N, C-alpha and C. Protein backbone atom coordinates (compact mmCIF):
# COMPACT_ATOMS: atom_id res chain seq x y z
N MET A 1 8.83 12.77 -6.58
CA MET A 1 8.21 11.49 -7.13
C MET A 1 8.56 10.42 -6.00
N SER A 2 7.68 9.42 -5.87
CA SER A 2 8.19 8.22 -5.06
C SER A 2 8.94 7.29 -5.69
N ASP A 3 9.81 6.73 -4.87
CA ASP A 3 10.69 5.71 -5.48
C ASP A 3 10.04 4.36 -5.74
N ALA A 4 10.72 3.63 -6.65
CA ALA A 4 10.13 2.24 -6.93
C ALA A 4 10.24 1.45 -5.85
N ALA A 5 9.50 0.32 -5.72
CA ALA A 5 9.68 -0.76 -4.68
C ALA A 5 11.16 -1.11 -4.69
N ARG A 6 11.72 -1.66 -3.49
CA ARG A 6 13.06 -2.13 -3.45
C ARG A 6 13.11 -2.99 -2.30
N PHE A 7 14.08 -3.80 -2.31
CA PHE A 7 14.41 -4.75 -1.22
C PHE A 7 15.55 -4.02 -0.21
N ASP A 8 15.36 -3.97 0.88
CA ASP A 8 16.51 -3.16 1.71
C ASP A 8 17.07 -4.31 2.53
N ARG A 9 18.08 -4.67 2.14
CA ARG A 9 18.95 -5.83 2.98
C ARG A 9 19.10 -5.60 4.26
N ASP A 10 19.34 -4.31 4.73
CA ASP A 10 19.62 -4.01 6.28
C ASP A 10 18.29 -4.21 6.99
N LEU A 11 17.03 -3.94 6.45
CA LEU A 11 15.98 -4.04 7.04
C LEU A 11 15.35 -5.39 6.84
N GLY A 12 15.96 -6.33 5.85
CA GLY A 12 15.40 -7.58 5.36
C GLY A 12 13.97 -7.53 5.07
N ALA A 13 13.57 -6.42 4.31
CA ALA A 13 12.25 -6.24 3.86
C ALA A 13 12.05 -5.32 2.75
N TRP A 14 10.92 -5.45 2.00
CA TRP A 14 10.55 -4.81 0.78
C TRP A 14 10.07 -3.30 1.33
N VAL A 15 10.54 -2.27 0.71
CA VAL A 15 10.28 -0.92 1.01
C VAL A 15 9.30 -0.39 -0.14
N MET A 16 8.23 0.04 0.17
CA MET A 16 7.25 0.50 -0.96
C MET A 16 6.78 1.98 -0.55
N SER A 17 6.77 2.79 -1.51
CA SER A 17 6.31 4.06 -1.16
C SER A 17 5.23 4.63 -2.07
N ARG A 18 5.09 3.82 -3.40
CA ARG A 18 4.07 4.26 -4.38
C ARG A 18 2.86 3.31 -4.10
N TYR A 19 1.77 3.95 -4.31
CA TYR A 19 0.32 3.43 -3.97
C TYR A 19 0.20 2.20 -4.71
N ASP A 20 0.45 2.20 -6.15
CA ASP A 20 0.30 1.03 -6.90
C ASP A 20 1.15 -0.11 -6.53
N ASP A 21 2.47 0.04 -5.91
CA ASP A 21 3.23 -0.88 -5.43
C ASP A 21 2.51 -1.60 -4.29
N VAL A 22 2.13 -0.81 -3.25
CA VAL A 22 1.50 -1.29 -2.20
C VAL A 22 0.29 -1.94 -2.53
N LEU A 23 -0.56 -1.56 -3.47
CA LEU A 23 -1.91 -2.21 -3.67
C LEU A 23 -1.46 -3.67 -4.26
N ALA A 24 -0.49 -3.61 -5.29
CA ALA A 24 -0.27 -4.91 -5.87
C ALA A 24 0.24 -5.81 -4.75
N ALA A 25 1.16 -5.39 -3.89
CA ALA A 25 1.52 -6.25 -2.87
C ALA A 25 0.49 -6.83 -1.87
N LEU A 26 -0.47 -6.03 -1.55
CA LEU A 26 -1.61 -6.47 -0.74
C LEU A 26 -2.57 -7.24 -1.34
N LYS A 27 -2.55 -7.29 -2.73
CA LYS A 27 -3.34 -8.13 -3.48
C LYS A 27 -2.68 -9.54 -3.88
N GLU A 28 -1.33 -9.62 -3.47
CA GLU A 28 -0.65 -10.92 -3.84
C GLU A 28 -0.73 -11.83 -2.59
N PRO A 29 -1.62 -13.05 -2.98
CA PRO A 29 -1.82 -13.90 -1.98
C PRO A 29 -0.65 -14.40 -1.06
N GLY A 30 0.44 -14.47 -1.82
CA GLY A 30 1.79 -14.95 -1.02
C GLY A 30 2.37 -13.90 -0.16
N PHE A 31 1.94 -12.80 -0.23
CA PHE A 31 2.67 -11.70 0.50
C PHE A 31 2.29 -12.00 2.05
N VAL A 32 3.35 -11.76 2.88
CA VAL A 32 3.27 -12.07 4.39
C VAL A 32 3.85 -11.10 5.02
N GLN A 33 3.02 -10.29 5.96
CA GLN A 33 3.65 -9.11 6.40
C GLN A 33 4.36 -9.67 7.71
N THR A 34 5.30 -9.04 8.12
CA THR A 34 6.10 -9.16 9.30
C THR A 34 6.13 -8.01 10.25
N GLY A 35 6.45 -8.31 11.50
CA GLY A 35 6.44 -7.25 12.49
C GLY A 35 7.72 -7.44 13.41
N GLU A 36 7.65 -6.76 14.50
CA GLU A 36 8.73 -6.80 15.48
C GLU A 36 8.91 -8.38 16.08
N SER A 37 7.90 -8.99 16.10
CA SER A 37 7.94 -10.49 16.53
C SER A 37 8.28 -11.48 15.50
N GLY A 38 8.27 -11.04 14.31
CA GLY A 38 8.61 -12.04 13.24
C GLY A 38 7.12 -12.13 12.39
N PRO A 39 7.27 -13.14 11.43
CA PRO A 39 6.14 -13.29 10.62
C PRO A 39 4.82 -13.52 11.31
N VAL A 40 3.83 -13.03 10.90
CA VAL A 40 2.32 -13.06 11.38
C VAL A 40 1.91 -14.33 10.97
N ASP A 41 0.87 -14.98 11.55
CA ASP A 41 0.24 -16.27 11.06
C ASP A 41 -0.32 -16.06 9.76
N ALA A 42 0.20 -16.76 8.75
CA ALA A 42 -0.22 -16.57 7.40
C ALA A 42 -1.71 -17.14 7.11
N ALA A 43 -2.05 -18.03 7.75
CA ALA A 43 -3.48 -18.53 7.60
C ALA A 43 -4.35 -17.63 8.24
N ALA A 44 -4.20 -16.82 9.38
CA ALA A 44 -4.82 -15.99 9.95
C ALA A 44 -5.08 -14.66 9.03
N GLN A 45 -3.85 -14.36 8.50
CA GLN A 45 -3.82 -13.13 7.51
C GLN A 45 -4.57 -13.51 6.30
N PHE A 46 -4.58 -14.71 5.65
CA PHE A 46 -5.39 -14.96 4.78
C PHE A 46 -6.88 -14.86 5.01
N ARG A 47 -7.34 -15.47 6.06
CA ARG A 47 -8.66 -15.33 6.36
C ARG A 47 -9.19 -13.74 6.55
N THR A 48 -8.29 -13.10 7.18
CA THR A 48 -8.59 -11.64 7.31
C THR A 48 -8.52 -10.79 5.91
N ARG A 49 -7.74 -11.26 5.17
CA ARG A 49 -8.00 -10.68 3.74
C ARG A 49 -9.10 -11.06 3.02
N ALA A 50 -9.40 -12.30 2.98
CA ALA A 50 -10.69 -12.76 2.52
C ALA A 50 -11.87 -11.91 3.13
N ASP A 51 -11.89 -11.81 4.51
CA ASP A 51 -13.03 -11.07 5.01
C ASP A 51 -13.07 -9.64 4.62
N VAL A 52 -12.12 -9.01 4.57
CA VAL A 52 -11.99 -7.53 4.12
C VAL A 52 -12.48 -7.33 2.63
N LEU A 53 -11.97 -8.33 2.01
CA LEU A 53 -12.37 -8.27 0.34
C LEU A 53 -13.82 -8.59 0.28
N ALA A 54 -14.35 -9.51 1.18
CA ALA A 54 -15.88 -9.74 0.94
C ALA A 54 -16.64 -8.38 1.51
N ALA A 55 -16.07 -7.85 2.54
CA ALA A 55 -16.60 -6.56 3.07
C ALA A 55 -16.61 -5.32 2.22
N LEU A 56 -15.49 -5.34 1.52
CA LEU A 56 -15.18 -3.99 0.72
C LEU A 56 -15.14 -4.44 -0.80
N PRO A 57 -16.27 -4.21 -1.49
CA PRO A 57 -15.96 -4.74 -2.99
C PRO A 57 -15.14 -3.84 -3.72
N ILE A 58 -14.56 -4.31 -4.72
CA ILE A 58 -13.36 -3.51 -5.43
C ILE A 58 -14.00 -2.40 -6.16
N ALA A 59 -15.33 -2.35 -6.55
CA ALA A 59 -15.97 -1.06 -6.97
C ALA A 59 -15.85 0.01 -6.09
N LYS A 60 -16.20 -0.29 -4.90
CA LYS A 60 -16.13 0.60 -3.75
C LYS A 60 -14.80 1.13 -3.42
N LEU A 61 -13.99 0.25 -3.38
CA LEU A 61 -12.32 0.72 -3.27
C LEU A 61 -11.96 1.45 -4.37
N ASP A 62 -12.36 1.22 -5.56
CA ASP A 62 -11.89 2.11 -6.66
C ASP A 62 -12.45 3.54 -6.51
N GLY A 63 -13.69 3.57 -6.22
CA GLY A 63 -14.28 4.90 -6.02
C GLY A 63 -13.68 5.71 -4.92
N TRP A 64 -13.34 4.98 -3.88
CA TRP A 64 -12.53 5.74 -2.70
C TRP A 64 -11.16 6.16 -3.23
N GLN A 65 -10.55 5.19 -4.12
CA GLN A 65 -9.01 5.74 -4.53
C GLN A 65 -9.24 6.90 -5.34
N THR A 66 -10.24 6.95 -6.27
CA THR A 66 -10.44 8.18 -6.98
C THR A 66 -10.59 9.44 -6.15
N ARG A 67 -11.26 9.29 -5.21
CA ARG A 67 -11.42 10.58 -4.28
C ARG A 67 -10.24 10.93 -3.36
N ILE A 68 -9.55 9.72 -2.86
CA ILE A 68 -8.42 9.99 -2.00
C ILE A 68 -7.32 10.17 -2.60
N ALA A 69 -6.76 9.71 -3.76
CA ALA A 69 -5.61 9.74 -4.35
C ALA A 69 -5.15 11.21 -4.51
N PRO A 70 -5.90 12.18 -4.94
CA PRO A 70 -5.35 13.56 -5.13
C PRO A 70 -5.13 14.14 -3.80
N ILE A 71 -5.83 13.63 -2.79
CA ILE A 71 -5.69 14.21 -1.38
C ILE A 71 -4.23 13.69 -0.93
N THR A 72 -4.09 12.48 -1.11
CA THR A 72 -2.90 11.75 -0.69
C THR A 72 -1.60 12.45 -1.50
N ASP A 73 -1.77 12.55 -2.67
CA ASP A 73 -0.74 13.09 -3.35
C ASP A 73 -0.39 14.65 -2.78
N ASP A 74 -1.25 15.38 -2.56
CA ASP A 74 -0.95 16.74 -1.92
C ASP A 74 -0.28 16.79 -0.55
N VAL A 75 -0.73 15.66 0.19
CA VAL A 75 -0.15 15.50 1.47
C VAL A 75 1.37 15.02 1.33
N LEU A 76 1.56 14.18 0.46
CA LEU A 76 2.90 13.65 0.23
C LEU A 76 3.84 14.73 -0.53
N ASP A 77 3.31 15.45 -1.43
CA ASP A 77 3.99 16.70 -2.03
C ASP A 77 4.44 17.72 -0.88
N SER A 78 3.35 17.87 -0.03
CA SER A 78 3.70 18.89 1.12
C SER A 78 5.03 18.43 2.06
N ILE A 79 4.91 17.14 2.31
CA ILE A 79 5.99 16.54 2.95
C ILE A 79 7.27 16.46 2.32
N ALA A 80 7.28 16.30 0.99
CA ALA A 80 8.47 16.23 0.20
C ALA A 80 8.95 17.75 -0.20
N GLY A 81 8.08 18.73 0.09
CA GLY A 81 8.32 20.01 -0.36
C GLY A 81 7.96 20.42 -1.73
N GLY A 82 7.24 19.41 -2.37
CA GLY A 82 6.81 19.87 -3.74
C GLY A 82 5.55 20.64 -3.82
N PRO A 83 5.25 21.14 -5.06
CA PRO A 83 4.13 21.78 -5.24
C PRO A 83 2.98 21.05 -5.35
N PRO A 84 1.76 21.57 -4.64
CA PRO A 84 0.52 20.81 -4.31
C PRO A 84 -0.22 20.86 -5.70
N GLY A 85 -1.07 19.87 -5.81
CA GLY A 85 -2.06 19.77 -7.02
C GLY A 85 -1.31 19.15 -8.27
N ARG A 86 -0.04 18.59 -8.24
CA ARG A 86 0.20 17.92 -9.45
C ARG A 86 0.14 16.55 -9.31
N SER A 87 -0.16 15.95 -10.32
CA SER A 87 -0.41 14.41 -10.32
C SER A 87 0.93 13.48 -9.92
N ARG A 88 0.79 12.59 -9.18
CA ARG A 88 1.84 11.59 -8.86
C ARG A 88 1.89 10.42 -9.90
N ARG A 89 0.80 10.47 -10.62
CA ARG A 89 0.69 9.15 -11.57
C ARG A 89 1.02 9.45 -12.99
């Protein structure tokens, strides 16, 4: 099973491995991604987020999640050495 979201002091960043945690973070308007060169342009990220949400309605994303989640779970289980086909949720 995936670990809960946690803040890694050595990395200075949140570490998330569960789909629901990542989804919640990506929906949070105050969430700012960083990279090797530091924080990204928050205004540009906000515009991009708005463009993506406009192009991909939630209903469509929910349908994709329903189809993709079992496949993703099997891949993650195979990486972790767990039995395929069990639900992670």
